[in-house]
Amino acid sequence: MTCRICGAELPDGAMFCGECGSSTSATPESRRRPDPRPGDTTVIERPARRTSGVISIPVEGFRAAVAIEATDVAGGELRVAGTSESPVPSLTTPAATRFVLTFSTGETRTVFGSGLIGRRPLPQPGEVFDHLVQIADRSLSVSKTHVEFGEHDGTLWIADRFSGNGTIVRRPDDGAMRCEPGRRYLVPRGSRVELAEQFFIVS
């Protein structure tokens, strides 16, 4: 009598193998672990690996127009009262205000419209953005989706997306302001936005 798992010789009537501990009724097929995702056929395309710096991924299509019905300008904070579901072609708007973001990595990106910034920014279901700006942060201090940005009356705004280490805005004529997650804050040109150990300057 031999063990069908390790091939060791076993005495007649043995219930377990003395070498590998397997049951004498065990077979290689019965010991194989089942596939934890037998029905998962999702294909995930991974972007090319970057060792450092910032990459900006343009997003095709349309974005939902945000209707800002109530604005609290005190402290530079914007509160959104509602949204409009009608699609607006954001990539073909010639008069879109553009902003240059200069990152602590030394790279710059010109953006307009809306977007997300983080180590690996990912929109939630139903969200569409003009830009996904990816920061290569070796320290992992920046969250995968750290902040959202957009434009209001020619001024950039940012909103912390419940990041792990928070977001701080330093305006040229004001002190540091820690952003409350989920709220929008105006970021005038010349301001510095700190994302944990990384930052960018708006111009």
Protein backbone atom coordinates (compact mmCIF):
# COMPACT_ATOMS: atom_id res chain seq x y z
CA MET A 1 0.00 0.00 0.00
CA THR A 2 1.43 3.39 -1.00
CA CYS A 3 0.45 7.00 -0.30
CA ARG A 4 -1.06 8.53 -3.40
CA ILE A 5 0.24 11.96 -2.38
CA CYS A 6 3.93 11.39 -1.57
CA GLY A 7 4.41 7.77 -2.69
CA ALA A 8 5.60 6.48 0.72
CA GLU A 9 5.10 2.80 1.59
CA LEU A 10 2.31 2.33 4.15
CA PRO A 11 1.33 -0.68 6.29
CA ASP A 12 -1.94 -2.40 5.44
CA GLY A 13 -4.94 -0.78 7.11
CA ALA A 14 -3.21 2.59 7.66
CA MET A 15 -5.57 5.60 7.68
CA PHE A 16 -2.90 8.30 7.38
CA CYS A 17 0.52 8.58 5.76
CA GLY A 18 3.35 8.71 8.27
CA GLU A 19 5.48 10.79 5.90
CA CYS A 20 3.19 13.60 4.69
CA GLY A 21 0.23 13.18 7.03
CA SER A 22 -2.30 12.85 4.21
CA SER A 23 -5.31 10.58 4.43
CA THR A 24 -4.84 7.31 2.60
CA SER A 25 -7.99 8.15 0.62
CA ALA A 26 -6.59 11.49 -0.54
CA THR A 27 -5.68 11.99 -4.19
CA PRO A 28 -3.75 14.79 -5.93
CA GLU A 29 -7.06 16.06 -7.35
CA SER A 30 -8.73 16.19 -3.94
CA ARG A 31 -5.79 18.14 -2.50
CA ARG A 32 -5.88 20.81 -5.20
CA ARG A 33 -7.26 24.13 -3.97
CA PRO A 34 -10.36 25.35 -5.80
CA ASP A 35 -10.15 28.50 -7.88
CA PRO A 36 -11.49 31.29 -5.60
CA ARG A 37 -12.86 33.19 -8.64
CA PRO A 38 -14.07 30.51 -11.09
CA GLY A 39 -16.53 32.84 -12.81
CA ASP A 40 -14.40 36.00 -12.95
CA THR A 41 -13.61 36.86 -16.56
CA THR A 42 -12.77 40.54 -15.99
CA VAL A 43 -9.75 41.80 -17.91
CA ILE A 44 -7.73 44.47 -16.12
CA GLU A 45 -5.29 46.47 -18.22
CA ARG A 46 -2.36 47.73 -16.15
CA PRO A 47 -0.66 50.99 -17.23
CA ALA A 48 3.03 50.95 -18.05
CA ARG A 49 5.16 51.10 -14.90
CA ARG A 50 6.84 54.43 -14.18
CA THR A 51 9.73 54.62 -11.74
CA SER A 52 9.19 58.27 -10.87
CA GLY A 53 7.31 61.40 -11.75
CA VAL A 54 3.73 62.15 -12.71
CA ILE A 55 1.68 60.91 -15.63
CA SER A 56 -1.56 62.39 -16.91
CA ILE A 57 -4.06 60.00 -18.46
CA PRO A 58 -6.57 61.75 -20.78
CA VAL A 59 -10.10 60.40 -20.45
CA GLU A 60 -12.27 60.19 -23.58
CA GLY A 61 -15.92 61.09 -23.70
CA PHE A 62 -18.15 63.48 -21.82
CA ARG A 63 -18.40 64.69 -18.23
CA ALA A 64 -21.49 65.61 -16.26
CA ALA A 65 -21.94 69.37 -15.81
CA VAL A 66 -21.90 70.40 -12.16
CA ALA A 67 -24.49 73.02 -11.21
CA ILE A 68 -23.26 74.96 -8.21
CA GLU A 69 -26.48 76.38 -6.78
CA ALA A 70 -25.10 77.59 -3.45
CA THR A 71 -21.63 78.99 -2.95
CA ASP A 72 -20.03 79.80 0.40
CA VAL A 73 -17.07 81.99 -0.51
CA ALA A 74 -16.10 82.59 3.13
CA GLY A 75 -12.81 80.82 3.67
CA GLY A 76 -12.66 79.96 -0.01
CA GLU A 77 -15.00 76.99 0.43
CA LEU A 78 -17.51 75.90 -2.22
CA ARG A 79 -20.55 73.82 -1.39
CA VAL A 80 -22.34 71.94 -4.14
CA ALA A 81 -26.10 71.85 -3.85
CA GLY A 82 -26.85 69.68 -6.87
CA THR A 83 -25.69 68.24 -10.16
CA SER A 84 -27.03 68.12 -13.70
CA GLU A 85 -27.09 64.84 -15.58
CA SER A 86 -26.92 66.40 -19.06
CA PRO A 87 -23.59 65.54 -20.70
CA VAL A 88 -21.29 68.37 -21.74
CA PRO A 89 -18.46 67.80 -24.25
CA SER A 90 -15.52 68.83 -22.10
CA LEU A 91 -12.70 67.88 -24.46
CA THR A 92 -13.92 70.15 -27.23
CA THR A 93 -14.51 73.32 -25.23
CA PRO A 94 -12.04 75.85 -26.69
CA ALA A 95 -12.49 78.45 -23.92
CA ALA A 96 -11.82 76.03 -21.04
CA THR A 97 -9.64 77.57 -18.34
CA ARG A 98 -6.31 75.79 -18.11
CA PHE A 99 -4.09 75.39 -15.07
CA VAL A 100 -0.47 74.29 -14.82
CA LEU A 101 0.29 71.96 -11.92
CA THR A 102 3.99 71.81 -10.98
CA PHE A 103 4.66 68.73 -8.86
CA SER A 104 7.31 68.08 -6.23
CA THR A 105 8.71 65.47 -8.61
CA GLY A 106 9.76 68.32 -10.92
CA GLU A 107 7.19 67.54 -13.60
CA THR A 108 4.34 69.76 -14.76
CA ARG A 109 0.91 68.97 -16.16
CA THR A 110 -1.56 71.31 -17.83
CA VAL A 111 -5.13 70.47 -16.89
CA PHE A 112 -8.64 71.80 -17.49
CA GLY A 113 -12.13 70.73 -16.56
CA SER A 114 -12.22 68.00 -13.91
CA GLY A 115 -9.91 65.27 -12.72
CA LEU A 116 -8.48 63.06 -10.01
CA ILE A 117 -4.95 63.03 -8.57
CA GLY A 118 -3.34 60.16 -6.67
CA ARG A 119 -1.01 57.19 -6.83
CA ARG A 120 -3.52 55.30 -8.95
CA PRO A 121 -6.66 57.42 -9.30
CA LEU A 122 -9.82 55.52 -10.07
CA PRO A 123 -13.28 57.06 -10.65
CA GLN A 124 -16.27 55.63 -8.82
CA PRO A 125 -19.01 53.99 -10.92
CA GLY A 126 -20.83 56.66 -12.90
CA GLU A 127 -18.07 59.27 -12.56
CA VAL A 128 -16.33 60.66 -15.66
CA PHE A 129 -13.33 63.01 -15.58
CA ASP A 130 -11.18 64.87 -18.09
CA HIS A 131 -7.88 63.90 -16.40
CA LEU A 132 -6.49 61.14 -14.20
CA VAL A 133 -3.15 62.41 -12.89
CA GLN A 134 -0.98 59.67 -11.39
CA ILE A 135 1.85 60.41 -8.94
CA ALA A 136 4.63 57.86 -8.41
CA ASP A 137 5.05 58.10 -4.64
CA ARG A 138 7.55 55.54 -3.33
CA SER A 139 6.65 56.31 0.29
CA LEU A 140 2.97 55.47 -0.39
CA SER A 141 1.96 58.54 1.61
CA VAL A 142 -0.35 59.67 -1.21
CA SER A 143 -3.62 57.76 -1.43
CA LYS A 144 -4.57 55.94 -4.62
CA THR A 145 -7.31 58.52 -5.24
CA HIS A 146 -6.22 61.46 -3.09
CA VAL A 147 -7.97 64.59 -4.43
CA GLU A 148 -10.50 65.66 -7.01
CA PHE A 149 -10.19 68.96 -8.86
CA GLY A 150 -12.36 71.16 -11.03
CA GLU A 151 -12.90 74.77 -12.14
CA HIS A 152 -15.29 77.45 -10.86
CA ASP A 153 -15.40 80.96 -12.31
CA GLY A 154 -11.83 80.68 -13.62
CA THR A 155 -10.38 79.39 -10.33
CA LEU A 156 -9.24 75.86 -9.58
CA TRP A 157 -10.88 74.01 -6.70
CA ILE A 158 -9.82 70.79 -5.01
CA ALA A 159 -11.62 68.33 -2.75
CA ASP A 160 -9.96 65.69 -0.58
CA ARG A 161 -11.36 62.26 -1.48
CA PHE A 162 -11.14 60.91 2.08
CA SER A 163 -7.40 60.30 1.71
CA GLY A 164 -5.41 58.50 4.37
CA ASN A 165 -3.01 61.37 5.18
CA GLY A 166 -5.15 64.38 4.30
CA THR A 167 -4.68 67.46 2.11
CA ILE A 168 -3.41 70.94 3.03
CA VAL A 169 -3.85 74.09 0.94
CA ARG A 170 -1.41 77.01 1.33
CA ARG A 171 -2.62 80.15 -0.47
CA PRO A 172 -0.23 83.03 -1.31
CA ASP A 173 -2.13 85.52 0.89
CA ASP A 174 -3.32 83.14 3.58
CA GLY A 175 -2.06 80.49 6.00
CA ALA A 176 -2.31 76.72 5.76
CA MET A 177 -5.76 75.17 5.61
CA ARG A 178 -6.44 71.47 6.18
CA CYS A 179 -9.19 70.33 3.84
CA GLU A 180 -12.24 68.62 5.24
CA PRO A 181 -12.85 65.48 3.15
CA GLY A 182 -15.61 65.84 0.60
CA ARG A 183 -15.67 69.68 0.56
CA ARG A 184 -14.41 71.88 -2.24
CA TYR A 185 -11.82 74.58 -1.60
CA LEU A 186 -10.77 77.33 -3.99
CA VAL A 187 -7.07 77.18 -4.92
CA PRO A 188 -5.94 80.46 -6.54
CA ARG A 189 -2.92 80.50 -8.82
CA GLY A 190 0.28 80.51 -6.80
CA SER A 191 -1.18 78.23 -4.13
CA ARG A 192 0.53 75.08 -2.91
CA VAL A 193 -1.48 71.88 -2.38
CA GLU A 194 0.18 69.33 -0.11
CA LEU A 195 -0.73 65.67 -0.57
CA ALA A 196 1.00 64.04 2.42
CA GLU A 197 4.72 63.94 1.47
CA GLN A 198 4.13 65.24 -2.08
CA PHE A 199 2.76 68.58 -3.31
CA PHE A 200 1.96 70.62 -6.39
CA ILE A 201 1.81 74.36 -7.12
CA VAL A 202 -0.98 75.86 -9.20
CA SER A 203 -0.18 78.46 -11.85
